């Protein structure tokens, strides 16, 4: 009896392992992509260009990609987000104009903590990179300020799925907090001509953390199906601040977003099929 039972248990363990591996491989092939467009309001301060705050409208584009990985038993998902925003702002007296643009790329790995069938908490490390420019039309000597900063941080997310009668909805909140990184900044009163043409040396690449770069990106979204399409509406609160070389900078963005979500299953290589657009796997 024992001799028969032992091979049976071995065969069962092998079958379970193969089945788990197949499930893990299958899970990594599910990709959720979303594309959002939005508009809102921005408050800009660049003391390198002006001591005044500038306020005005902003537009934003966001593309997100989420996918499960095989890390830590298949409980980790990856998320990459590309954002591009641009704003046109004026000072309080309407005598000066500023154009600002920023491109952001973030990549996060989230360990998933399922609380129940409907509620899930995600948390993990974050890579965040930013590049942009702020241009002030009033300035002739120093008309623009280049923006370049990035580093590592923490990302957290809460996903809640619920129904209104038989209508499925997915509510999600996410916050990205940069912790350690580097930033570029000219010194107070120093022009870009002095930096790059005359070769003046200075502390232009600085260590950044919460003490001089207290920033936070937050996003609240709601997914709901309309026929065969998943629509997404959301709100982005993008707080970017820095204080370096006796210069202060901030950009406070509040944008309302709308777009769509696609569920894709990868077959082999670049081959893919679209899944029924009812609910998202995440």
C-alpha atoms as a PDB file:
ATOM      1  CA  UNK A   1       0.000   0.000   0.000  1.00  0.00           C
ATOM      2  CA  UNK A   2       2.791   2.423   0.940  1.00  0.00           C
ATOM      3  CA  UNK A   3       4.731   1.570  -2.208  1.00  0.00           C
ATOM      4  CA  UNK A   4       1.703   2.462  -4.316  1.00  0.00           C
ATOM      5  CA  UNK A   5       0.828   5.610  -2.361  1.00  0.00           C
ATOM      6  CA  UNK A   6       4.292   7.209  -2.595  1.00  0.00           C
ATOM      7  CA  UNK A   7       4.467   7.269  -6.450  1.00  0.00           C
ATOM      8  CA  UNK A   8       0.888   8.562  -6.489  1.00  0.00           C
ATOM      9  CA  UNK A   9       1.798  11.480  -4.227  1.00  0.00           C
ATOM     10  CA  UNK A  10       4.872  12.265  -6.334  1.00  0.00           C
ATOM     11  CA  UNK A  11       2.770  12.283  -9.492  1.00  0.00           C
ATOM     12  CA  UNK A  12       0.163  14.519  -7.827  1.00  0.00           C
ATOM     13  CA  UNK A  13       2.820  17.032  -6.685  1.00  0.00           C
ATOM     14  CA  UNK A  14       4.337  17.153 -10.164  1.00  0.00           C
ATOM     15  CA  UNK A  15       0.909  17.673 -11.715  1.00  0.00           C
ATOM     16  CA  UNK A  16       0.103  20.492  -9.274  1.00  0.00           C
ATOM     17  CA  UNK A  17       3.469  22.157  -9.927  1.00  0.00           C
ATOM     18  CA  UNK A  18       2.966  21.989 -13.698  1.00  0.00           C
ATOM     19  CA  UNK A  19      -0.566  23.324 -13.354  1.00  0.00           C
ATOM     20  CA  UNK A  20       0.619  26.186 -11.112  1.00  0.00           C
ATOM     21  CA  UNK A  21       3.365  27.034 -13.585  1.00  0.00           C
ATOM     22  CA  UNK A  22       0.852  27.055 -16.442  1.00  0.00           C
ATOM     23  CA  UNK A  23      -1.438  29.339 -14.419  1.00  0.00           C
ATOM     24  CA  UNK A  24       1.503  31.645 -13.680  1.00  0.00           C
ATOM     25  CA  UNK A  25       2.499  31.767 -17.351  1.00  0.00           C
ATOM     26  CA  UNK A  26      -1.106  32.370 -18.310  1.00  0.00           C
ATOM     27  CA  UNK A  27      -1.445  35.212 -15.794  1.00  0.00           C
ATOM     28  CA  UNK A  28       1.644  36.997 -17.113  1.00  0.00           C
ATOM     29  CA  UNK A  29       0.064  37.169 -20.557  1.00  0.00           C
ATOM     30  CA  UNK A  30      -2.823  39.350 -19.405  1.00  0.00           C
ATOM     31  CA  UNK A  31      -2.052  43.008 -20.127  1.00  0.00           C
ATOM     32  CA  UNK A  32      -4.274  45.932 -19.175  1.00  0.00           C
ATOM     33  CA  UNK A  33      -3.662  49.143 -21.124  1.00  0.00           C
ATOM     34  CA  UNK A  34      -5.385  52.463 -20.618  1.00  0.00           C
ATOM     35  CA  UNK A  35      -5.181  55.753 -22.496  1.00  0.00           C
ATOM     36  CA  UNK A  36      -6.478  58.922 -20.861  1.00  0.00           C
ATOM     37  CA  UNK A  37      -6.822  62.538 -21.931  1.00  0.00           C
ATOM     38  CA  UNK A  38      -7.568  65.349 -19.537  1.00  0.00           C
ATOM     39  CA  UNK A  39      -7.623  69.019 -18.715  1.00  0.00           C
ATOM     40  CA  UNK A  40      -7.500  71.064 -15.571  1.00  0.00           C
ATOM     41  CA  UNK A  41      -5.626  73.738 -13.660  1.00  0.00           C
ATOM     42  CA  UNK A  42      -1.974  74.386 -12.811  1.00  0.00           C
ATOM     43  CA  UNK A  43      -0.208  76.665 -10.336  1.00  0.00           C
ATOM     44  CA  UNK A  44       3.453  77.293 -11.301  1.00  0.00           C
ATOM     45  CA  UNK A  45       6.254  78.960  -9.355  1.00  0.00           C
ATOM     46  CA  UNK A  46       9.842  79.267 -10.615  1.00  0.00           C
ATOM     47  CA  UNK A  47      11.831  81.805  -8.605  1.00  0.00           C
ATOM     48  CA  UNK A  48      14.684  81.422 -11.104  1.00  0.00           C
ATOM     49  CA  UNK A  49      12.381  83.170 -13.594  1.00  0.00           C
ATOM     50  CA  UNK A  50      10.000  85.190 -11.423  1.00  0.00           C
ATOM     51  CA  UNK A  51       9.066  85.572  -7.734  1.00  0.00           C
ATOM     52  CA  UNK A  52       5.356  85.427  -8.651  1.00  0.00           C
ATOM     53  CA  UNK A  53       3.017  82.465  -8.965  1.00  0.00           C
ATOM     54  CA  UNK A  54       1.429  81.820 -12.350  1.00  0.00           C
ATOM     55  CA  UNK A  55      -1.935  80.067 -12.745  1.00  0.00           C
ATOM     56  CA  UNK A  56      -3.889  78.818 -15.714  1.00  0.00           C
ATOM     57  CA  UNK A  57      -5.237  75.843 -17.695  1.00  0.00           C
ATOM     58  CA  UNK A  58      -3.400  72.582 -18.304  1.00  0.00           C
ATOM     59  CA  UNK A  59      -3.843  69.572 -20.591  1.00  0.00           C
ATOM     60  CA  UNK A  60      -2.524  66.070 -19.858  1.00  0.00           C
ATOM     61  CA  UNK A  61      -2.041  62.754 -21.661  1.00  0.00           C
ATOM     62  CA  UNK A  62      -1.525  59.460 -19.825  1.00  0.00           C
ATOM     63  CA  UNK A  63      -0.832  55.930 -21.034  1.00  0.00           C
ATOM     64  CA  UNK A  64      -0.687  53.067 -18.521  1.00  0.00           C
ATOM     65  CA  UNK A  65       0.274  49.407 -18.850  1.00  0.00           C
ATOM     66  CA  UNK A  66      -0.194  46.788 -16.126  1.00  0.00           C
ATOM     67  CA  UNK A  67       0.775  43.137 -16.194  1.00  0.00           C
ATOM     68  CA  UNK A  68       1.332  40.310 -13.731  1.00  0.00           C
ATOM     69  CA  UNK A  69       4.861  38.948 -13.324  1.00  0.00           C
ATOM     70  CA  UNK A  70       6.287  35.668 -12.040  1.00  0.00           C
ATOM     71  CA  UNK A  71       8.060  37.378  -9.135  1.00  0.00           C
ATOM     72  CA  UNK A  72       7.386  36.093  -5.612  1.00  0.00           C
ATOM     73  CA  UNK A  73       5.086  33.308  -6.672  1.00  0.00           C
ATOM     74  CA  UNK A  74       3.195  35.371  -9.227  1.00  0.00           C
ATOM     75  CA  UNK A  75       1.904  37.896  -6.668  1.00  0.00           C
ATOM     76  CA  UNK A  76       3.714  40.922  -8.128  1.00  0.00           C
ATOM     77  CA  UNK A  77       2.354  43.117 -10.909  1.00  0.00           C
ATOM     78  CA  UNK A  78       4.298  45.624 -12.984  1.00  0.00           C
ATOM     79  CA  UNK A  79       2.998  49.051 -13.938  1.00  0.00           C
ATOM     80  CA  UNK A  80       4.458  51.566 -16.374  1.00  0.00           C
ATOM     81  CA  UNK A  81       2.961  55.022 -16.909  1.00  0.00           C
ATOM     82  CA  UNK A  82       3.885  57.697 -19.442  1.00  0.00           C
ATOM     83  CA  UNK A  83       2.495  61.180 -18.813  1.00  0.00           C
ATOM     84  CA  UNK A  84       2.887  64.396 -20.787  1.00  0.00           C
ATOM     85  CA  UNK A  85       1.373  67.659 -19.581  1.00  0.00           C
ATOM     86  CA  UNK A  86       1.495  71.267 -20.758  1.00  0.00           C
ATOM     87  CA  UNK A  87       0.121  74.469 -19.262  1.00  0.00           C
ATOM     88  CA  UNK A  88      -0.356  78.133 -20.137  1.00  0.00           C
ATOM     89  CA  UNK A  89      -0.339  80.322 -17.031  1.00  0.00           C
ATOM     90  CA  UNK A  90      -0.437  84.030 -16.150  1.00  0.00           C
ATOM     91  CA  UNK A  91       0.514  86.041 -13.085  1.00  0.00           C
ATOM     92  CA  UNK A  92      -2.147  87.679 -10.924  1.00  0.00           C
ATOM     93  CA  UNK A  93      -1.870  91.051 -12.705  1.00  0.00           C
ATOM     94  CA  UNK A  94      -2.078  89.445 -16.179  1.00  0.00           C
ATOM     95  CA  UNK A  95       1.200  91.117 -17.198  1.00  0.00           C
ATOM     96  CA  UNK A  96       3.276  87.972 -17.642  1.00  0.00           C
ATOM     97  CA  UNK A  97       2.819  84.581 -19.286  1.00  0.00           C
ATOM     98  CA  UNK A  98       4.479  81.246 -18.673  1.00  0.00           C
ATOM     99  CA  UNK A  99       4.472  78.076 -20.767  1.00  0.00           C
ATOM    100  CA  UNK A 100       5.347  74.860 -18.934  1.00  0.00           C
ATOM    101  CA  UNK A 101       5.727  71.295 -20.151  1.00  0.00           C
ATOM    102  CA  UNK A 102       6.719  68.098 -18.363  1.00  0.00           C
ATOM    103  CA  UNK A 103       7.150  64.471 -19.469  1.00  0.00           C
ATOM    104  CA  UNK A 104       7.106  61.744 -16.828  1.00  0.00           C
ATOM    105  CA  UNK A 105       7.897  58.030 -16.948  1.00  0.00           C
ATOM    106  CA  UNK A 106       7.290  55.784 -13.960  1.00  0.00           C
ATOM    107  CA  UNK A 107       7.744  52.062 -13.450  1.00  0.00           C
ATOM    108  CA  UNK A 108       6.487  50.305 -10.334  1.00  0.00           C
ATOM    109  CA  UNK A 109       6.404  46.753  -9.013  1.00  0.00           C
ATOM    110  CA  UNK A 110       3.448  46.105  -6.709  1.00  0.00           C
ATOM    111  CA  UNK A 111       3.038  43.156  -4.367  1.00  0.00           C
ATOM    112  CA  UNK A 112      -0.655  42.358  -4.216  1.00  0.00           C
ATOM    113  CA  UNK A 113      -2.401  41.846  -0.877  1.00  0.00           C
ATOM    114  CA  UNK A 114      -5.945  40.549  -1.532  1.00  0.00           C
ATOM    115  CA  UNK A 115      -8.204  41.423   1.385  1.00  0.00           C
ATOM    116  CA  UNK A 116     -11.272  39.728  -0.066  1.00  0.00           C
ATOM    117  CA  UNK A 117     -12.817  39.035  -3.468  1.00  0.00           C
ATOM    118  CA  UNK A 118     -13.527  42.728  -4.057  1.00  0.00           C
ATOM    119  CA  UNK A 119     -10.758  44.603  -2.224  1.00  0.00           C
ATOM    120  CA  UNK A 120      -7.048  44.513  -2.984  1.00  0.00           C
ATOM    121  CA  UNK A 121      -4.079  46.540  -1.675  1.00  0.00           C
ATOM    122  CA  UNK A 122      -0.873  46.899  -3.700  1.00  0.00           C
ATOM    123  CA  UNK A 123       2.490  48.300  -2.583  1.00  0.00           C
ATOM    124  CA  UNK A 124       6.046  48.321  -3.851  1.00  0.00           C
ATOM    125  CA  UNK A 125       9.068  50.231  -5.185  1.00  0.00           C
ATOM    126  CA  UNK A 126       8.911  52.928  -7.837  1.00  0.00           C
ATOM    127  CA  UNK A 127      11.247  54.378 -10.477  1.00  0.00           C
ATOM    128  CA  UNK A 128      10.249  57.931 -11.457  1.00  0.00           C
ATOM    129  CA  UNK A 129      11.898  60.069 -14.187  1.00  0.00           C
ATOM    130  CA  UNK A 130      10.970  63.615 -15.260  1.00  0.00           C
ATOM    131  CA  UNK A 131      12.137  66.095 -17.883  1.00  0.00           C
ATOM    132  CA  UNK A 132      10.599  69.392 -18.959  1.00  0.00           C
ATOM    133  CA  UNK A 133      10.914  73.145 -19.327  1.00  0.00           C
ATOM    134  CA  UNK A 134       9.306  76.344 -18.033  1.00  0.00           C
ATOM    135  CA  UNK A 135       9.403  79.388 -20.320  1.00  0.00           C
ATOM    136  CA  UNK A 136       8.585  82.959 -19.201  1.00  0.00           C
ATOM    137  CA  UNK A 137       7.887  85.442 -21.986  1.00  0.00           C
ATOM    138  CA  UNK A 138       8.760  88.483 -19.847  1.00  0.00           C
ATOM    139  CA  UNK A 139      12.385  87.494 -19.310  1.00  0.00           C
ATOM    140  CA  UNK A 140      15.042  88.380 -21.872  1.00  0.00           C
ATOM    141  CA  UNK A 141      18.221  87.298 -20.038  1.00  0.00           C
ATOM    142  CA  UNK A 142      17.008  84.044 -18.451  1.00  0.00           C
ATOM    143  CA  UNK A 143      13.744  83.198 -20.244  1.00  0.00           C
ATOM    144  CA  UNK A 144      13.594  79.457 -19.486  1.00  0.00           C
ATOM    145  CA  UNK A 145      14.280  76.925 -16.767  1.00  0.00           C
ATOM    146  CA  UNK A 146      15.096  73.312 -17.642  1.00  0.00           C
ATOM    147  CA  UNK A 147      13.613  70.547 -15.475  1.00  0.00           C
ATOM    148  CA  UNK A 148      15.357  67.199 -15.020  1.00  0.00           C
ATOM    149  CA  UNK A 149      14.969  65.011 -11.945  1.00  0.00           C
ATOM    150  CA  UNK A 150      14.175  61.480 -10.910  1.00  0.00           C
ATOM    151  CA  UNK A 151      14.923  58.618  -8.579  1.00  0.00           C
ATOM    152  CA  UNK A 152      13.417  55.862  -6.475  1.00  0.00           C
ATOM    153  CA  UNK A 153      10.323  55.965  -4.340  1.00  0.00           C
ATOM    154  CA  UNK A 154       7.328  54.085  -3.005  1.00  0.00           C
ATOM    155  CA  UNK A 155       4.015  53.364  -4.693  1.00  0.00           C
ATOM    156  CA  UNK A 156       0.744  52.219  -3.194  1.00  0.00           C
ATOM    157  CA  UNK A 157      -2.643  51.370  -4.641  1.00  0.00           C
ATOM    158  CA  UNK A 158      -6.101  50.329  -3.460  1.00  0.00           C
ATOM    159  CA  UNK A 159      -8.472  48.576  -5.896  1.00  0.00           C
ATOM    160  CA  UNK A 160     -12.110  48.033  -5.003  1.00  0.00           C
ATOM    161  CA  UNK A 161     -14.572  46.202  -7.258  1.00  0.00           C
ATOM    162  CA  UNK A 162     -18.288  46.535  -6.596  1.00  0.00           C
ATOM    163  CA  UNK A 163     -21.672  46.394  -8.298  1.00  0.00           C
ATOM    164  CA  UNK A 164     -24.638  48.701  -8.520  1.00  0.00           C
ATOM    165  CA  UNK A 165     -27.355  46.107  -9.041  1.00  0.00           C
ATOM    166  CA  UNK A 166     -25.699  43.987 -11.777  1.00  0.00           C
ATOM    167  CA  UNK A 167     -23.511  46.770 -13.164  1.00  0.00           C
ATOM    168  CA  UNK A 168     -19.766  46.191 -12.439  1.00  0.00           C
ATOM    169  CA  UNK A 169     -17.535  49.095 -11.353  1.00  0.00           C
ATOM    170  CA  UNK A 170     -13.858  49.307 -10.382  1.00  0.00           C
ATOM    171  CA  UNK A 171     -12.611  52.100  -8.148  1.00  0.00           C
ATOM    172  CA  UNK A 172      -8.873  52.666  -7.769  1.00  0.00           C
ATOM    173  CA  UNK A 173      -6.705  55.068  -5.790  1.00  0.00           C
ATOM    174  CA  UNK A 174      -2.922  55.324  -6.274  1.00  0.00           C
ATOM    175  CA  UNK A 175      -0.188  57.440  -4.698  1.00  0.00           C
ATOM    176  CA  UNK A 176       3.477  57.681  -5.817  1.00  0.00           C
ATOM    177  CA  UNK A 177       5.984  59.215  -3.404  1.00  0.00           C
ATOM    178  CA  UNK A 178       9.613  59.902  -4.493  1.00  0.00           C
ATOM    179  CA  UNK A 179      12.153  59.242  -1.741  1.00  0.00           C
ATOM    180  CA  UNK A 180      15.735  59.289  -3.080  1.00  0.00           C
ATOM    181  CA  UNK A 181      17.092  60.722  -6.315  1.00  0.00           C
ATOM    182  CA  UNK A 182      18.959  63.487  -8.109  1.00  0.00           C
ATOM    183  CA  UNK A 183      17.872  66.792  -9.639  1.00  0.00           C
ATOM    184  CA  UNK A 184      19.328  69.460 -11.895  1.00  0.00           C
ATOM    185  CA  UNK A 185      19.276  73.091 -10.785  1.00  0.00           C
ATOM    186  CA  UNK A 186      21.214  76.235 -11.752  1.00  0.00           C
ATOM    187  CA  UNK A 187      22.618  78.305  -8.935  1.00  0.00           C
ATOM    188  CA  UNK A 188      20.921  81.489  -7.798  1.00  0.00           C
ATOM    189  CA  UNK A 189      21.583  84.316 -10.270  1.00  0.00           C
ATOM    190  CA  UNK A 190      23.498  82.051 -12.683  1.00  0.00           C
ATOM    191  CA  UNK A 191      22.530  82.053 -16.360  1.00  0.00           C
ATOM    192  CA  UNK A 192      22.647  79.066 -18.690  1.00  0.00           C
ATOM    193  CA  UNK A 193      25.155  80.985 -20.813  1.00  0.00           C
ATOM    194  CA  UNK A 194      27.511  81.079 -17.828  1.00  0.00           C
ATOM    195  CA  UNK A 195      26.996  77.364 -17.172  1.00  0.00           C
ATOM    196  CA  UNK A 196      27.411  75.952 -20.672  1.00  0.00           C
ATOM    197  CA  UNK A 197      29.305  78.615 -22.667  1.00  0.00           C
ATOM    198  CA  UNK A 198      31.647  80.052 -20.032  1.00  0.00           C
ATOM    199  CA  UNK A 199      31.981  76.761 -18.189  1.00  0.00           C
ATOM    200  CA  UNK A 200      31.276  78.065 -14.687  1.00  0.00           C
ATOM    201  CA  UNK A 201      31.470  75.244 -12.203  1.00  0.00           C
ATOM    202  CA  UNK A 202      28.861  74.836  -9.497  1.00  0.00           C
ATOM    203  CA  UNK A 203      26.531  72.415  -7.763  1.00  0.00           C
ATOM    204  CA  UNK A 204      24.130  71.763 -10.605  1.00  0.00           C
ATOM    205  CA  UNK A 205      23.342  68.087  -9.905  1.00  0.00           C
ATOM    206  CA  UNK A 206      22.031  67.664  -6.386  1.00  0.00           C
ATOM    207  CA  UNK A 207      20.845  64.826  -4.168  1.00  0.00           C
ATOM    208  CA  UNK A 208      17.078  64.952  -3.694  1.00  0.00           C
ATOM    209  CA  UNK A 209      14.849  63.574  -0.988  1.00  0.00           C
ATOM    210  CA  UNK A 210      11.868  64.630   1.097  1.00  0.00           C
ATOM    211  CA  UNK A 211      13.835  67.546   2.574  1.00  0.00           C
ATOM    212  CA  UNK A 212      14.227  69.376  -0.767  1.00  0.00           C
ATOM    213  CA  UNK A 213      11.845  67.554  -3.111  1.00  0.00           C
ATOM    214  CA  UNK A 214       8.582  66.850  -1.226  1.00  0.00           C
ATOM    215  CA  UNK A 215       6.435  65.686  -4.134  1.00  0.00           C
ATOM    216  CA  UNK A 216       3.441  63.403  -4.507  1.00  0.00           C
ATOM    217  CA  UNK A 217       1.404  62.105  -7.450  1.00  0.00           C
ATOM    218  CA  UNK A 218      -2.116  60.883  -6.713  1.00  0.00           C
ATOM    219  CA  UNK A 219      -4.686  59.354  -9.035  1.00  0.00           C
ATOM    220  CA  UNK A 220      -8.307  58.330  -8.481  1.00  0.00           C
ATOM    221  CA  UNK A 221     -10.075  56.424 -11.275  1.00  0.00           C
ATOM    222  CA  UNK A 222     -13.387  54.699 -11.899  1.00  0.00           C
ATOM    223  CA  UNK A 223     -13.824  52.002 -14.578  1.00  0.00           C
ATOM    224  CA  UNK A 224     -17.232  51.101 -15.987  1.00  0.00           C
ATOM    225  CA  UNK A 225     -18.300  49.151 -19.089  1.00  0.00           C
ATOM    226  CA  UNK A 226     -20.334  50.715 -21.883  1.00  0.00           C
ATOM    227  CA  UNK A 227     -21.390  47.974 -24.311  1.00  0.00           C
ATOM    228  CA  UNK A 228     -18.079  46.344 -25.383  1.00  0.00           C
ATOM    229  CA  UNK A 229     -15.822  49.140 -24.100  1.00  0.00           C
ATOM    230  CA  UNK A 230     -14.434  49.893 -20.658  1.00  0.00           C
ATOM    231  CA  UNK A 231     -14.425  53.627 -20.004  1.00  0.00           C
ATOM    232  CA  UNK A 232     -12.286  55.239 -17.338  1.00  0.00           C
ATOM    233  CA  UNK A 233     -12.776  58.613 -15.674  1.00  0.00           C
ATOM    234  CA  UNK A 234     -10.339  59.976 -13.147  1.00  0.00           C
ATOM    235  CA  UNK A 235      -8.743  62.790 -11.245  1.00  0.00           C
ATOM    236  CA  UNK A 236      -4.986  63.473 -11.070  1.00  0.00           C
ATOM    237  CA  UNK A 237      -3.436  65.559  -8.302  1.00  0.00           C
ATOM    238  CA  UNK A 238       0.215  66.108  -9.243  1.00  0.00           C
ATOM    239  CA  UNK A 239       2.240  67.983  -6.603  1.00  0.00           C
ATOM    240  CA  UNK A 240       5.852  68.649  -7.652  1.00  0.00           C
ATOM    241  CA  UNK A 241       8.044  70.804  -5.397  1.00  0.00           C
ATOM    242  CA  UNK A 242      11.742  71.515  -4.967  1.00  0.00           C
ATOM    243  CA  UNK A 243      14.076  73.851  -3.087  1.00  0.00           C
ATOM    244  CA  UNK A 244      17.704  73.873  -4.250  1.00  0.00           C
ATOM    245  CA  UNK A 245      20.510  76.431  -4.621  1.00  0.00           C
ATOM    246  CA  UNK A 246      18.312  79.089  -2.941  1.00  0.00           C
ATOM    247  CA  UNK A 247      15.695  78.615  -5.680  1.00  0.00           C
ATOM    248  CA  UNK A 248      12.117  77.468  -5.139  1.00  0.00           C
ATOM    249  CA  UNK A 249       9.954  75.660  -7.629  1.00  0.00           C
ATOM    250  CA  UNK A 250       6.505  74.106  -7.598  1.00  0.00           C
ATOM    251  CA  UNK A 251       3.844  72.829  -9.961  1.00  0.00           C
ATOM    252  CA  UNK A 252       0.422  72.039  -8.512  1.00  0.00           C
ATOM    253  CA  UNK A 253      -1.721  70.268 -11.125  1.00  0.00           C
ATOM    254  CA  UNK A 254      -5.357  69.231 -10.818  1.00  0.00           C
ATOM    255  CA  UNK A 255      -6.641  67.441 -13.928  1.00  0.00           C
ATOM    256  CA  UNK A 256      -9.816  65.549 -14.734  1.00  0.00           C
ATOM    257  CA  UNK A 257      -9.232  62.614 -17.074  1.00  0.00           C
ATOM    258  CA  UNK A 258     -11.314  60.438 -19.378  1.00  0.00           C
ATOM    259  CA  UNK A 259     -10.343  57.555 -21.649  1.00  0.00           C
ATOM    260  CA  UNK A 260     -10.658  53.837 -22.251  1.00  0.00           C
ATOM    261  CA  UNK A 261      -9.185  50.547 -21.033  1.00  0.00           C
ATOM    262  CA  UNK A 262      -8.221  47.502 -23.100  1.00  0.00           C
ATOM    263  CA  UNK A 263      -7.715  43.962 -21.808  1.00  0.00           C
ATOM    264  CA  UNK A 264      -5.241  42.039 -23.976  1.00  0.00           C
ATOM    265  CA  UNK A 265      -4.040  38.442 -23.887  1.00  0.00           C
ATOM    266  CA  UNK A 266      -0.618  37.859 -25.462  1.00  0.00           C
ATOM    267  CA  UNK A 267      -0.235  34.624 -27.414  1.00  0.00           C
ATOM    268  CA  UNK A 268       3.288  34.289 -28.827  1.00  0.00           C
ATOM    269  CA  UNK A 269       5.695  37.075 -29.506  1.00  0.00           C
ATOM    270  CA  UNK A 270       3.723  40.145 -30.570  1.00  0.00           C
ATOM    271  CA  UNK A 271       0.528  38.240 -31.349  1.00  0.00           C
ATOM    272  CA  UNK A 272      -2.358  39.280 -29.124  1.00  0.00           C
ATOM    273  CA  UNK A 273      -6.115  39.080 -28.812  1.00  0.00           C
ATOM    274  CA  UNK A 274      -8.532  41.450 -27.119  1.00  0.00           C
ATOM    275  CA  UNK A 275     -10.500  40.014 -24.230  1.00  0.00           C
ATOM    276  CA  UNK A 276     -14.208  40.696 -23.634  1.00  0.00           C
ATOM    277  CA  UNK A 277     -14.269  44.221 -22.240  1.00  0.00           C
ATOM    278  CA  UNK A 278     -16.394  43.608 -19.174  1.00  0.00           C
ATOM    279  CA  UNK A 279     -14.095  44.042 -16.184  1.00  0.00           C
ATOM    280  CA  UNK A 280     -10.354  44.481 -15.723  1.00  0.00           C
ATOM    281  CA  UNK A 281      -8.194  41.637 -14.299  1.00  0.00           C
ATOM    282  CA  UNK A 282      -6.625  44.106 -11.802  1.00  0.00           C
END
